[in-house]
Amino acid sequence: MTRIAYAAAASLAFIATYSLSPLVAVGIAAIGAAVITGMFAIALRQAEMREIEHVMTIIDACAAADHEAARPLRLVS
């Protein structure tokens, strides 16, 4: 919901600015696009790091299971 509110406020600001000066409005839109692109890049990087941590956890669990399986079996009579 917050992103929708930001988008609505940005749209209103863009329309108001465009009526005053189209060049300024285009500059503001370009800055907004750069900010949004940066936000997407950061979100993708965080998702990538979470995925890497998840895969490393799986690898650690498999290594621990292999280590336990490598022990010689003891027969109890």
Protein backbone atom coordinates (compact mmCIF):
# COMPACT_ATOMS: atom_id res chain seq x y z
CA MET A 1 0.00 0.00 0.00
CA THR A 2 2.85 2.37 0.74
CA ARG A 3 4.24 2.02 -2.78
CA ILE A 4 0.82 2.77 -4.24
CA ALA A 5 0.59 5.91 -2.12
CA TYR A 6 4.07 6.97 -3.25
CA ALA A 7 3.12 6.37 -6.88
CA ALA A 8 -0.06 8.40 -6.50
CA ALA A 9 1.79 11.28 -4.85
CA ALA A 10 4.48 11.18 -7.52
CA SER A 11 1.85 11.23 -10.26
CA LEU A 12 0.16 14.26 -8.75
CA ALA A 13 3.49 16.04 -8.33
CA PHE A 14 4.44 15.21 -11.92
CA ILE A 15 1.16 16.59 -13.29
CA ALA A 16 1.44 19.75 -11.21
CA THR A 17 5.05 20.30 -12.22
CA TYR A 18 4.34 19.56 -15.90
CA SER A 19 1.79 22.36 -15.99
CA LEU A 20 4.53 24.76 -14.80
CA SER A 21 7.50 23.47 -16.79
CA PRO A 22 7.69 20.32 -18.92
CA LEU A 23 11.49 20.21 -18.71
CA VAL A 24 11.47 20.25 -14.91
CA ALA A 25 8.77 17.56 -14.90
CA VAL A 26 10.86 15.33 -17.16
CA GLY A 27 13.87 15.86 -14.88
CA ILE A 28 11.83 14.90 -11.83
CA ALA A 29 10.53 11.83 -13.66
CA ALA A 30 14.09 10.81 -14.56
CA ILE A 31 15.19 11.13 -10.93
CA GLY A 32 12.16 9.11 -9.83
CA ALA A 33 12.96 6.40 -12.36
CA ALA A 34 16.53 6.22 -11.07
CA VAL A 35 15.32 5.89 -7.48
CA ILE A 36 12.85 3.14 -8.40
CA THR A 37 15.54 1.30 -10.36
CA GLY A 38 17.82 1.50 -7.33
CA MET A 39 15.09 0.14 -5.07
CA PHE A 40 14.55 -2.82 -7.42
CA ALA A 41 18.29 -3.50 -7.55
CA ILE A 42 18.55 -3.51 -3.77
CA ALA A 43 15.52 -5.79 -3.42
CA LEU A 44 16.92 -8.23 -5.98
CA ARG A 45 20.31 -8.26 -4.23
CA GLN A 46 18.67 -9.00 -0.87
CA ALA A 47 16.63 -11.82 -2.41
CA GLU A 48 19.79 -13.23 -3.97
CA MET A 49 21.59 -13.17 -0.62
CA ARG A 50 18.68 -14.95 1.09
CA GLU A 51 18.72 -17.62 -1.63
CA ILE A 52 22.48 -18.10 -1.26
CA GLU A 53 22.10 -18.48 2.52
CA HIS A 54 19.31 -21.03 1.98
CA VAL A 55 21.44 -23.08 -0.44
CA MET A 56 24.42 -22.95 1.92
CA THR A 57 22.22 -24.23 4.75
CA ILE A 58 21.16 -27.17 2.57
CA ILE A 59 24.79 -27.88 1.65
CA ASP A 60 25.83 -27.78 5.32
CA ALA A 61 23.03 -30.17 6.24
CA CYS A 62 24.06 -32.58 3.49
CA ALA A 63 27.71 -32.41 4.56
CA ALA A 64 26.74 -33.13 8.16
CA ALA A 65 24.61 -36.09 7.05
CA ASP A 66 27.47 -37.44 4.92
CA HIS A 67 29.85 -37.07 7.85
CA GLU A 68 27.53 -39.06 10.09
CA ALA A 69 27.06 -41.75 7.44
CA ALA A 70 30.82 -42.17 7.03
CA ARG A 71 31.27 -43.54 10.55
CA PRO A 72 31.76 -47.31 10.73
CA LEU A 73 28.77 -49.27 11.89
CA ARG A 74 28.95 -51.04 15.23
CA LEU A 75 27.24 -54.36 15.48
CA VAL A 76 25.70 -55.03 18.85
CA SER A 77 25.29 -58.65 19.82
